[in-house]
């Protein structure tokens, strides 16, 4: 696997890591803007990620873990999987094309 493919597969996790660090490090005034970016990152997967997976979480740490996983880290894994599927599909198409064009 080439370095560009590896970087593209790791890119969603890098974005999630940056957004997590920003959320942990910003004050309340700028936190709303960063939270908006986080929800923008996770919104395409909203239909799949139901917040009711974990039941009712009572601890603040558990709620933060649930939010970070549902809004950032699970969507990052899904984005990475979709990028991998695109690469696998393109490779399969290129193999089929090379087999069809090869002389017998």
PDB file of N, CA and C in Angstrom:
ATOM      1  N   UNK A   1       0.855  -1.169   0.000  1.00  0.00           N
ATOM      2  CA  UNK A   1       0.000   0.000   0.000  1.00  0.00           C
ATOM      3  C   UNK A   1       0.903   1.235   0.000  1.00  0.00           C
ATOM      4  N   UNK A   2       0.585   2.173  -0.859  1.00  0.00           N
ATOM      5  CA  UNK A   2       1.418   3.365  -0.965  1.00  0.00           C
ATOM      6  C   UNK A   2       1.177   4.316   0.211  1.00  0.00           C
ATOM      7  N   UNK A   3       2.117   5.226   0.373  1.00  0.00           N
ATOM      8  CA  UNK A   3       2.027   6.184   1.479  1.00  0.00           C
ATOM      9  C   UNK A   3       0.825   7.106   1.347  1.00  0.00           C
ATOM     10  N   UNK A   4       0.455   7.451   0.127  1.00  0.00           N
ATOM     11  CA  UNK A   4      -0.702   8.335  -0.040  1.00  0.00           C
ATOM     12  C   UNK A   4      -1.983   7.635   0.399  1.00  0.00           C
ATOM     13  N   UNK A   5      -2.096   6.347   0.087  1.00  0.00           N
ATOM     14  CA  UNK A   5      -3.275   5.606   0.535  1.00  0.00           C
ATOM     15  C   UNK A   5      -3.306   5.515   2.053  1.00  0.00           C
ATOM     16  N   UNK A   6      -2.164   5.254   2.654  1.00  0.00           N
ATOM     17  CA  UNK A   6      -2.100   5.176   4.117  1.00  0.00           C
ATOM     18  C   UNK A   6      -2.451   6.508   4.758  1.00  0.00           C
ATOM     19  N   UNK A   7      -1.956   7.589   4.183  1.00  0.00           N
ATOM     20  CA  UNK A   7      -2.276   8.914   4.734  1.00  0.00           C
ATOM     21  C   UNK A   7      -3.759   9.231   4.582  1.00  0.00           C
ATOM     22  N   UNK A   8      -4.333   8.889   3.444  1.00  0.00           N
ATOM     23  CA  UNK A   8      -5.760   9.134   3.255  1.00  0.00           C
ATOM     24  C   UNK A   8      -6.614   8.292   4.200  1.00  0.00           C
ATOM     25  N   UNK A   9      -6.183   7.064   4.473  1.00  0.00           N
ATOM     26  CA  UNK A   9      -6.919   6.226   5.418  1.00  0.00           C
ATOM     27  C   UNK A   9      -6.798   6.739   6.852  1.00  0.00           C
ATOM     28  N   UNK A  10      -5.673   7.373   7.171  1.00  0.00           N
ATOM     29  CA  UNK A  10      -5.453   7.901   8.520  1.00  0.00           C
ATOM     30  C   UNK A  10      -6.005   9.313   8.700  1.00  0.00           C
ATOM     31  N   UNK A  11      -6.321   9.984   7.612  1.00  0.00           N
ATOM     32  CA  UNK A  11      -6.785  11.375   7.685  1.00  0.00           C
ATOM     33  C   UNK A  11      -8.018  11.569   8.580  1.00  0.00           C
ATOM     34  N   UNK A  12      -9.072  10.736   8.481  1.00  0.00           N
ATOM     35  CA  UNK A  12     -10.216  10.947   9.385  1.00  0.00           C
ATOM     36  C   UNK A  12      -9.852  10.830  10.862  1.00  0.00           C
ATOM     37  N   UNK A  13      -8.926   9.912  11.186  1.00  0.00           N
ATOM     38  CA  UNK A  13      -8.502   9.781  12.581  1.00  0.00           C
ATOM     39  C   UNK A  13      -7.685  10.994  13.019  1.00  0.00           C
ATOM     40  N   UNK A  14      -6.905  11.563  12.114  1.00  0.00           N
ATOM     41  CA  UNK A  14      -6.173  12.782  12.420  1.00  0.00           C
ATOM     42  C   UNK A  14      -7.111  13.952  12.675  1.00  0.00           C
ATOM     43  N   UNK A  15      -8.149  14.056  11.860  1.00  0.00           N
ATOM     44  CA  UNK A  15      -9.142  15.126  12.054  1.00  0.00           C
ATOM     45  C   UNK A  15      -9.844  14.945  13.397  1.00  0.00           C
ATOM     46  N   UNK A  16     -10.228  13.713  13.717  1.00  0.00           N
ATOM     47  CA  UNK A  16     -10.887  13.450  15.002  1.00  0.00           C
ATOM     48  C   UNK A  16      -9.959  13.769  16.172  1.00  0.00           C
ATOM     49  N   UNK A  17      -8.675  13.453  16.035  1.00  0.00           N
ATOM     50  CA  UNK A  17      -7.723  13.752  17.105  1.00  0.00           C
ATOM     51  C   UNK A  17      -7.561  15.257  17.294  1.00  0.00           C
ATOM     52  N   UNK A  18      -7.460  15.984  16.196  1.00  0.00           N
ATOM     53  CA  UNK A  18      -7.323  17.443  16.286  1.00  0.00           C
ATOM     54  C   UNK A  18      -8.565  18.062  16.922  1.00  0.00           C
ATOM     55  N   UNK A  19      -9.745  17.609  16.507  1.00  0.00           N
ATOM     56  CA  UNK A  19     -10.972  18.150  17.083  1.00  0.00           C
ATOM     57  C   UNK A  19     -11.109  17.796  18.559  1.00  0.00           C
ATOM     58  N   UNK A  20     -10.672  16.603  18.938  1.00  0.00           N
ATOM     59  CA  UNK A  20     -10.707  16.227  20.358  1.00  0.00           C
ATOM     60  C   UNK A  20      -9.792  17.116  21.177  1.00  0.00           C
ATOM     61  N   UNK A  21      -8.584  17.336  20.689  1.00  0.00           N
ATOM     62  CA  UNK A  21      -7.641  18.198  21.412  1.00  0.00           C
ATOM     63  C   UNK A  21      -8.176  19.627  21.485  1.00  0.00           C
ATOM     64  N   UNK A  22      -8.761  20.114  20.390  1.00  0.00           N
ATOM     65  CA  UNK A  22      -9.329  21.465  20.410  1.00  0.00           C
ATOM     66  C   UNK A  22     -10.475  21.576  21.402  1.00  0.00           C
ATOM     67  N   UNK A  23     -11.335  20.574  21.435  1.00  0.00           N
ATOM     68  CA  UNK A  23     -12.442  20.610  22.393  1.00  0.00           C
ATOM     69  C   UNK A  23     -11.958  20.596  23.832  1.00  0.00           C
ATOM     70  N   UNK A  24     -10.902  19.847  24.085  1.00  0.00           N
ATOM     71  CA  UNK A  24     -10.383  19.779  25.450  1.00  0.00           C
ATOM     72  C   UNK A  24      -9.623  21.036  25.846  1.00  0.00           C
ATOM     73  N   UNK A  25      -9.094  21.775  24.855  1.00  0.00           N
ATOM     74  CA  UNK A  25      -8.234  22.895  25.170  1.00  0.00           C
ATOM     75  C   UNK A  25      -8.830  24.279  25.022  1.00  0.00           C
ATOM     76  N   UNK A  26     -10.017  24.414  24.469  1.00  0.00           N
ATOM     77  CA  UNK A  26     -10.571  25.748  24.258  1.00  0.00           C
ATOM     78  C   UNK A  26     -11.473  26.159  25.413  1.00  0.00           C
ATOM     79  N   UNK A  27     -11.656  27.447  25.535  1.00  0.00           N
ATOM     80  CA  UNK A  27     -12.554  27.952  26.563  1.00  0.00           C
ATOM     81  C   UNK A  27     -13.993  27.930  26.053  1.00  0.00           C
ATOM     82  N   UNK A  28     -14.915  28.320  26.881  1.00  0.00           N
ATOM     83  CA  UNK A  28     -16.334  28.262  26.528  1.00  0.00           C
ATOM     84  C   UNK A  28     -16.691  29.133  25.328  1.00  0.00           C
ATOM     85  N   UNK A  29     -16.034  30.263  25.199  1.00  0.00           N
ATOM     86  CA  UNK A  29     -16.365  31.198  24.130  1.00  0.00           C
ATOM     87  C   UNK A  29     -16.089  30.585  22.758  1.00  0.00           C
ATOM     88  N   UNK A  30     -14.965  29.937  22.588  1.00  0.00           N
ATOM     89  CA  UNK A  30     -14.612  29.338  21.314  1.00  0.00           C
ATOM     90  C   UNK A  30     -15.060  27.882  21.210  1.00  0.00           C
ATOM     91  N   UNK A  31     -15.509  27.311  22.309  1.00  0.00           N
ATOM     92  CA  UNK A  31     -15.924  25.915  22.325  1.00  0.00           C
ATOM     93  C   UNK A  31     -17.131  25.645  21.448  1.00  0.00           C
ATOM     94  N   UNK A  32     -18.021  26.619  21.309  1.00  0.00           N
ATOM     95  CA  UNK A  32     -19.214  26.435  20.481  1.00  0.00           C
ATOM     96  C   UNK A  32     -18.837  26.253  19.018  1.00  0.00           C
ATOM     97  N   UNK A  33     -17.855  27.010  18.570  1.00  0.00           N
ATOM     98  CA  UNK A  33     -17.419  26.904  17.170  1.00  0.00           C
ATOM     99  C   UNK A  33     -16.775  25.545  16.911  1.00  0.00           C
ATOM    100  N   UNK A  34     -15.920  25.101  17.827  1.00  0.00           N
ATOM    101  CA  UNK A  34     -15.265  23.801  17.672  1.00  0.00           C
ATOM    102  C   UNK A  34     -16.306  22.682  17.754  1.00  0.00           C
ATOM    103  N   UNK A  35     -17.268  22.803  18.652  1.00  0.00           N
ATOM    104  CA  UNK A  35     -18.328  21.800  18.749  1.00  0.00           C
ATOM    105  C   UNK A  35     -19.130  21.741  17.452  1.00  0.00           C
ATOM    106  N   UNK A  36     -19.327  22.877  16.812  1.00  0.00           N
ATOM    107  CA  UNK A  36     -20.004  22.897  15.523  1.00  0.00           C
ATOM    108  C   UNK A  36     -19.235  22.122  14.469  1.00  0.00           C
ATOM    109  N   UNK A  37     -17.904  22.267  14.465  1.00  0.00           N
ATOM    110  CA  UNK A  37     -17.075  21.495  13.536  1.00  0.00           C
ATOM    111  C   UNK A  37     -17.163  20.000  13.839  1.00  0.00           C
ATOM    112  N   UNK A  38     -17.216  19.653  15.111  1.00  0.00           N
ATOM    113  CA  UNK A  38     -17.321  18.243  15.493  1.00  0.00           C
ATOM    114  C   UNK A  38     -18.634  17.649  14.990  1.00  0.00           C
ATOM    115  N   UNK A  39     -19.727  18.376  15.195  1.00  0.00           N
ATOM    116  CA  UNK A  39     -21.009  17.858  14.727  1.00  0.00           C
ATOM    117  C   UNK A  39     -21.079  17.841  13.210  1.00  0.00           C
ATOM    118  N   UNK A  40     -20.410  18.781  12.551  1.00  0.00           N
ATOM    119  CA  UNK A  40     -20.340  18.768  11.094  1.00  0.00           C
ATOM    120  C   UNK A  40     -19.591  17.528  10.618  1.00  0.00           C
ATOM    121  N   UNK A  41     -18.562  17.130  11.349  1.00  0.00           N
ATOM    122  CA  UNK A  41     -17.785  15.935  11.023  1.00  0.00           C
ATOM    123  C   UNK A  41     -18.626  14.665  11.173  1.00  0.00           C
ATOM    124  N   UNK A  42     -19.456  14.601  12.193  1.00  0.00           N
ATOM    125  CA  UNK A  42     -20.220  13.390  12.470  1.00  0.00           C
ATOM    126  C   UNK A  42     -21.610  13.346  11.892  1.00  0.00           C
ATOM    127  N   UNK A  43     -22.114  14.450  11.358  1.00  0.00           N
ATOM    128  CA  UNK A  43     -23.491  14.525  10.882  1.00  0.00           C
ATOM    129  C   UNK A  43     -23.840  13.525   9.783  1.00  0.00           C
ATOM    130  N   UNK A  44     -22.984  13.252   8.795  1.00  0.00           N
ATOM    131  CA  UNK A  44     -23.374  12.282   7.768  1.00  0.00           C
ATOM    132  C   UNK A  44     -23.663  10.885   8.312  1.00  0.00           C
ATOM    133  N   UNK A  45     -23.189  10.567   9.488  1.00  0.00           N
ATOM    134  CA  UNK A  45     -23.398   9.241  10.070  1.00  0.00           C
ATOM    135  C   UNK A  45     -24.473   9.257  11.143  1.00  0.00           C
ATOM    136  N   UNK A  46     -25.194  10.348  11.274  1.00  0.00           N
ATOM    137  CA  UNK A  46     -26.189  10.487  12.327  1.00  0.00           C
ATOM    138  C   UNK A  46     -27.279   9.425  12.240  1.00  0.00           C
ATOM    139  N   UNK A  47     -27.664   9.051  11.037  1.00  0.00           N
ATOM    140  CA  UNK A  47     -28.714   8.058  10.852  1.00  0.00           C
ATOM    141  C   UNK A  47     -28.291   6.690  11.362  1.00  0.00           C
ATOM    142  N   UNK A  48     -26.999   6.425  11.391  1.00  0.00           N
ATOM    143  CA  UNK A  48     -26.495   5.127  11.814  1.00  0.00           C
ATOM    144  C   UNK A  48     -26.164   5.087  13.302  1.00  0.00           C
ATOM    145  N   UNK A  49     -25.721   6.186  13.835  1.00  0.00           N
ATOM    146  CA  UNK A  49     -25.263   6.248  15.214  1.00  0.00           C
ATOM    147  C   UNK A  49     -26.363   6.750  16.121  1.00  0.00           C
ATOM    148  N   UNK A  50     -27.035   5.847  16.769  1.00  0.00           N
ATOM    149  CA  UNK A  50     -28.116   6.188  17.685  1.00  0.00           C
ATOM    150  C   UNK A  50     -27.533   6.412  19.070  1.00  0.00           C
ATOM    151  N   UNK A  51     -27.772   7.572  19.674  1.00  0.00           N
ATOM    152  CA  UNK A  51     -27.195   7.822  21.003  1.00  0.00           C
ATOM    153  C   UNK A  51     -27.702   6.870  22.081  1.00  0.00           C
ATOM    154  N   UNK A  52     -28.717   6.087  21.815  1.00  0.00           N
ATOM    155  CA  UNK A  52     -29.257   5.179  22.814  1.00  0.00           C
ATOM    156  C   UNK A  52     -28.491   3.880  22.966  1.00  0.00           C
ATOM    157  N   UNK A  53     -27.351   3.746  22.312  1.00  0.00           N
ATOM    158  CA  UNK A  53     -26.562   2.521  22.393  1.00  0.00           C
ATOM    159  C   UNK A  53     -26.124   2.192  23.816  1.00  0.00           C
ATOM    160  N   UNK A  54     -25.751   3.215  24.554  1.00  0.00           N
ATOM    161  CA  UNK A  54     -25.151   3.006  25.864  1.00  0.00           C
ATOM    162  C   UNK A  54     -26.155   3.106  27.003  1.00  0.00           C
ATOM    163  N   UNK A  55     -27.410   3.300  26.687  1.00  0.00           N
ATOM    164  CA  UNK A  55     -28.394   3.498  27.746  1.00  0.00           C
ATOM    165  C   UNK A  55     -28.224   4.873  28.363  1.00  0.00           C
ATOM    166  N   UNK A  56     -28.622   4.998  29.615  1.00  0.00           N
ATOM    167  CA  UNK A  56     -28.477   6.272  30.308  1.00  0.00           C
ATOM    168  C   UNK A  56     -27.176   6.251  31.106  1.00  0.00           C
ATOM    169  N   UNK A  57     -26.246   7.096  30.691  1.00  0.00           N
ATOM    170  CA  UNK A  57     -24.946   7.183  31.362  1.00  0.00           C
ATOM    171  C   UNK A  57     -25.032   8.297  32.391  1.00  0.00           C
ATOM    172  N   UNK A  58     -24.651   7.999  33.623  1.00  0.00           N
ATOM    173  CA  UNK A  58     -24.801   8.987  34.696  1.00  0.00           C
ATOM    174  C   UNK A  58     -23.526   9.772  34.990  1.00  0.00           C
ATOM    175  N   UNK A  59     -22.385   9.206  34.750  1.00  0.00           N
ATOM    176  CA  UNK A  59     -21.155   9.913  35.097  1.00  0.00           C
ATOM    177  C   UNK A  59     -20.780  10.905  33.997  1.00  0.00           C
ATOM    178  N   UNK A  60     -20.165  11.976  34.395  1.00  0.00           N
ATOM    179  CA  UNK A  60     -19.747  13.004  33.446  1.00  0.00           C
ATOM    180  C   UNK A  60     -18.673  12.480  32.503  1.00  0.00           C
ATOM    181  N   UNK A  61     -17.759  11.674  33.052  1.00  0.00           N
ATOM    182  CA  UNK A  61     -16.697  11.085  32.244  1.00  0.00           C
ATOM    183  C   UNK A  61     -17.293  10.124  31.213  1.00  0.00           C
ATOM    184  N   UNK A  62     -18.272   9.319  31.625  1.00  0.00           N
ATOM    185  CA  UNK A  62     -18.926   8.393  30.706  1.00  0.00           C
ATOM    186  C   UNK A  62     -19.698   9.107  29.612  1.00  0.00           C
ATOM    187  N   UNK A  63     -20.340  10.217  29.969  1.00  0.00           N
ATOM    188  CA  UNK A  63     -21.067  10.998  28.963  1.00  0.00           C
ATOM    189  C   UNK A  63     -20.096  11.610  27.960  1.00  0.00           C
ATOM    190  N   UNK A  64     -18.969  12.115  28.437  1.00  0.00           N
ATOM    191  CA  UNK A  64     -17.969  12.688  27.532  1.00  0.00           C
ATOM    192  C   UNK A  64     -17.414  11.621  26.603  1.00  0.00           C
ATOM    193  N   UNK A  65     -17.155  10.432  27.141  1.00  0.00           N
ATOM    194  CA  UNK A  65     -16.656   9.332  26.324  1.00  0.00           C
ATOM    195  C   UNK A  65     -17.686   8.943  25.259  1.00  0.00           C
ATOM    196  N   UNK A  66     -18.948   8.903  25.631  1.00  0.00           N
ATOM    197  CA  UNK A  66     -20.009   8.579  24.675  1.00  0.00           C
ATOM    198  C   UNK A  66     -20.094   9.635  23.572  1.00  0.00           C
ATOM    199  N   UNK A  67     -20.037  10.896  23.938  1.00  0.00           N
ATOM    200  CA  UNK A  67     -20.134  11.967  22.944  1.00  0.00           C
ATOM    201  C   UNK A  67     -18.932  11.945  22.007  1.00  0.00           C
ATOM    202  N   UNK A  68     -17.732  11.826  22.560  1.00  0.00           N
ATOM    203  CA  UNK A  68     -16.546  11.798  21.707  1.00  0.00           C
ATOM    204  C   UNK A  68     -16.561  10.598  20.773  1.00  0.00           C
ATOM    205  N   UNK A  69     -17.015   9.446  21.268  1.00  0.00           N
ATOM    206  CA  UNK A  69     -17.019   8.265  20.405  1.00  0.00           C
ATOM    207  C   UNK A  69     -18.094   8.370  19.337  1.00  0.00           C
ATOM    208  N   UNK A  70     -19.282   8.845  19.679  1.00  0.00           N
ATOM    209  CA  UNK A  70     -20.375   8.919  18.704  1.00  0.00           C
ATOM    210  C   UNK A  70     -20.221  10.063  17.716  1.00  0.00           C
ATOM    211  N   UNK A  71     -19.602  11.160  18.136  1.00  0.00           N
ATOM    212  CA  UNK A  71     -19.512  12.332  17.265  1.00  0.00           C
ATOM    213  C   UNK A  71     -18.190  12.365  16.500  1.00  0.00           C
ATOM    214  N   UNK A  72     -17.127  11.805  17.062  1.00  0.00           N
ATOM    215  CA  UNK A  72     -15.818  11.916  16.408  1.00  0.00           C
ATOM    216  C   UNK A  72     -15.206  10.583  15.987  1.00  0.00           C
ATOM    217  N   UNK A  73     -15.056   9.662  16.904  1.00  0.00           N
ATOM    218  CA  UNK A  73     -14.208   8.500  16.634  1.00  0.00           C
ATOM    219  C   UNK A  73     -14.899   7.414  15.819  1.00  0.00           C
ATOM    220  N   UNK A  74     -16.151   7.131  16.065  1.00  0.00           N
ATOM    221  CA  UNK A  74     -16.852   6.147  15.231  1.00  0.00           C
ATOM    222  C   UNK A  74     -17.037   6.694  13.818  1.00  0.00           C
ATOM    223  N   UNK A  75     -17.440   7.959  13.629  1.00  0.00           N
ATOM    224  CA  UNK A  75     -17.477   8.483  12.261  1.00  0.00           C
ATOM    225  C   UNK A  75     -16.103   8.467  11.579  1.00  0.00           C
ATOM    226  N   UNK A  76     -15.031   8.704  12.323  1.00  0.00           N
ATOM    227  CA  UNK A  76     -13.691   8.635  11.721  1.00  0.00           C
ATOM    228  C   UNK A  76     -13.411   7.229  11.201  1.00  0.00           C
ATOM    229  N   UNK A  77     -13.789   6.218  11.970  1.00  0.00           N
ATOM    230  CA  UNK A  77     -13.607   4.833  11.515  1.00  0.00           C
ATOM    231  C   UNK A  77     -14.466   4.555  10.285  1.00  0.00           C
ATOM    232  N   UNK A  78     -15.685   5.075  10.255  1.00  0.00           N
ATOM    233  CA  UNK A  78     -16.563   4.866   9.105  1.00  0.00           C
ATOM    234  C   UNK A  78     -16.044   5.590   7.865  1.00  0.00           C
ATOM    235  N   UNK A  79     -15.549   6.805   8.030  1.00  0.00           N
ATOM    236  CA  UNK A  79     -14.940   7.519   6.900  1.00  0.00           C
ATOM    237  C   UNK A  79     -13.737   6.740   6.358  1.00  0.00           C
ATOM    238  N   UNK A  80     -12.894   6.260   7.257  1.00  0.00           N
ATOM    239  CA  UNK A  80     -11.719   5.514   6.841  1.00  0.00           C
ATOM    240  C   UNK A  80     -12.119   4.233   6.115  1.00  0.00           C
ATOM    241  N   UNK A  81     -13.137   3.552   6.602  1.00  0.00           N
ATOM    242  CA  UNK A  81     -13.623   2.342   5.947  1.00  0.00           C
ATOM    243  C   UNK A  81     -14.155   2.644   4.551  1.00  0.00           C
ATOM    244  N   UNK A  82     -14.863   3.751   4.404  1.00  0.00           N
ATOM    245  CA  UNK A  82     -15.372   4.131   3.079  1.00  0.00           C
ATOM    246  C   UNK A  82     -14.234   4.443   2.110  1.00  0.00           C
ATOM    247  N   UNK A  83     -13.207   5.118   2.595  1.00  0.00           N
ATOM    248  CA  UNK A  83     -12.040   5.395   1.748  1.00  0.00           C
ATOM    249  C   UNK A  83     -11.368   4.089   1.344  1.00  0.00           C
ATOM    250  N   UNK A  84     -11.259   3.147   2.281  1.00  0.00           N
ATOM    251  CA  UNK A  84     -10.680   1.852   1.964  1.00  0.00           C
ATOM    252  C   UNK A  84     -11.516   1.121   0.914  1.00  0.00           C
ATOM    253  N   UNK A  85     -12.851   1.186   1.045  1.00  0.00           N
ATOM    254  CA  UNK A  85     -13.729   0.556   0.049  1.00  0.00           C
ATOM    255  C   UNK A  85     -13.522   1.160  -1.340  1.00  0.00           C
ATOM    256  N   UNK A  86     -13.339   2.455  -1.402  1.00  0.00           N
ATOM    257  CA  UNK A  86     -13.094   3.110  -2.693  1.00  0.00           C
ATOM    258  C   UNK A  86     -11.789   2.595  -3.296  1.00  0.00           C
ATOM    259  N   UNK A  87     -10.734   2.523  -2.485  1.00  0.00           N
ATOM    260  CA  UNK A  87      -9.461   2.002  -2.990  1.00  0.00           C
ATOM    261  C   UNK A  87      -9.589   0.547  -3.433  1.00  0.00           C
ATOM    262  N   UNK A  88     -10.301  -0.267  -2.655  1.00  0.00           N
ATOM    263  CA  UNK A  88     -10.474  -1.672  -3.019  1.00  0.00           C
ATOM    264  C   UNK A  88     -11.281  -1.804  -4.306  1.00  0.00           C
ATOM    265  N   UNK A  89     -12.313  -0.995  -4.444  1.00  0.00           N
ATOM    266  CA  UNK A  89     -13.106  -1.022  -5.668  1.00  0.00           C
ATOM    267  C   UNK A  89     -12.319  -0.586  -6.888  1.00  0.00           C
ATOM    268  N   UNK A  90     -11.530   0.474  -6.739  1.00  0.00           N
ATOM    269  CA  UNK A  90     -10.701   0.930  -7.856  1.00  0.00           C
ATOM    270  C   UNK A  90      -9.656  -0.116  -8.241  1.00  0.00           C
ATOM    271  N   UNK A  91      -9.100  -0.787  -7.238  1.00  0.00           N
ATOM    272  CA  UNK A  91      -8.124  -1.833  -7.531  1.00  0.00           C
ATOM    273  C   UNK A  91      -8.783  -3.009  -8.246  1.00  0.00           C
ATOM    274  N   UNK A  92      -9.980  -3.369  -7.823  1.00  0.00           N
ATOM    275  CA  UNK A  92     -10.695  -4.460  -8.470  1.00  0.00           C
ATOM    276  C   UNK A  92     -11.049  -4.104  -9.917  1.00  0.00           C
ATOM    277  N   UNK A  93     -11.460  -2.879 -10.132  1.00  0.00           N
ATOM    278  CA  UNK A  93     -11.783  -2.431 -11.492  1.00  0.00           C
ATOM    279  C   UNK A  93     -10.537  -2.416 -12.362  1.00  0.00           C
ATOM    280  N   UNK A  94      -9.422  -1.951 -11.805  1.00  0.00           N
ATOM    281  CA  UNK A  94      -8.190  -1.911 -12.605  1.00  0.00           C
ATOM    282  C   UNK A  94      -7.699  -3.322 -12.928  1.00  0.00           C
ATOM    283  N   UNK A  95      -7.851  -4.279 -11.992  1.00  0.00           N
ATOM    284  CA  UNK A  95      -7.476  -5.670 -12.278  1.00  0.00           C
ATOM    285  C   UNK A  95      -8.356  -6.258 -13.374  1.00  0.00           C
ATOM    286  N   UNK A  96      -9.654  -6.009 -13.297  1.00  0.00           N
ATOM    287  CA  UNK A  96     -10.572  -6.532 -14.296  1.00  0.00           C
ATOM    288  C   UNK A  96     -10.262  -5.917 -15.664  1.00  0.00           C
ATOM    289  N   UNK A  97      -9.975  -4.621 -15.666  1.00  0.00           N
ATOM    290  CA  UNK A  97      -9.638  -3.936 -16.937  1.00  0.00           C
ATOM    291  C   UNK A  97      -8.339  -4.481 -17.510  1.00  0.00           C
ATOM    292  N   UNK A  98      -7.339  -4.728 -16.652  1.00  0.00           N
ATOM    293  CA  UNK A  98      -6.069  -5.254 -17.169  1.00  0.00           C
ATOM    294  C   UNK A  98      -6.229  -6.690 -17.657  1.00  0.00           C
ATOM    295  N   UNK A  99      -7.101  -7.478 -17.034  1.00  0.00           N
ATOM    296  CA  UNK A  99      -7.346  -8.840 -17.505  1.00  0.00           C
ATOM    297  C   UNK A  99      -8.081  -8.858 -18.838  1.00  0.00           C
ATOM    298  N   UNK A 100      -8.988  -7.892 -19.053  1.00  0.00           N
ATOM    299  CA  UNK A 100      -9.727  -7.833 -20.300  1.00  0.00           C
ATOM    300  C   UNK A 100      -8.855  -7.340 -21.455  1.00  0.00           C
ATOM    301  N   UNK A 101      -7.927  -6.454 -21.165  1.00  0.00           N
ATOM    302  CA  UNK A 101      -7.104  -5.888 -22.215  1.00  0.00           C
ATOM    303  C   UNK A 101      -5.846  -6.721 -22.512  1.00  0.00           C
ATOM    304  N   UNK A 102      -5.560  -7.693 -21.671  1.00  0.00           N
ATOM    305  CA  UNK A 102      -4.372  -8.521 -21.887  1.00  0.00           C
ATOM    306  C   UNK A 102      -4.638  -9.495 -23.039  1.00  0.00           C
ATOM    307  N   UNK A 103      -3.670  -9.637 -23.942  1.00  0.00           N
ATOM    308  CA  UNK A 103      -3.869 -10.574 -25.068  1.00  0.00           C
ATOM    309  C   UNK A 103      -3.817 -12.015 -24.579  1.00  0.00           C
ATOM    310  N   UNK A 104      -4.598 -12.853 -25.217  1.00  0.00           N
ATOM    311  CA  UNK A 104      -4.639 -14.270 -24.846  1.00  0.00           C
ATOM    312  C   UNK A 104      -3.523 -15.046 -25.466  1.00  0.00           C
TER     313      UNK A 104
END
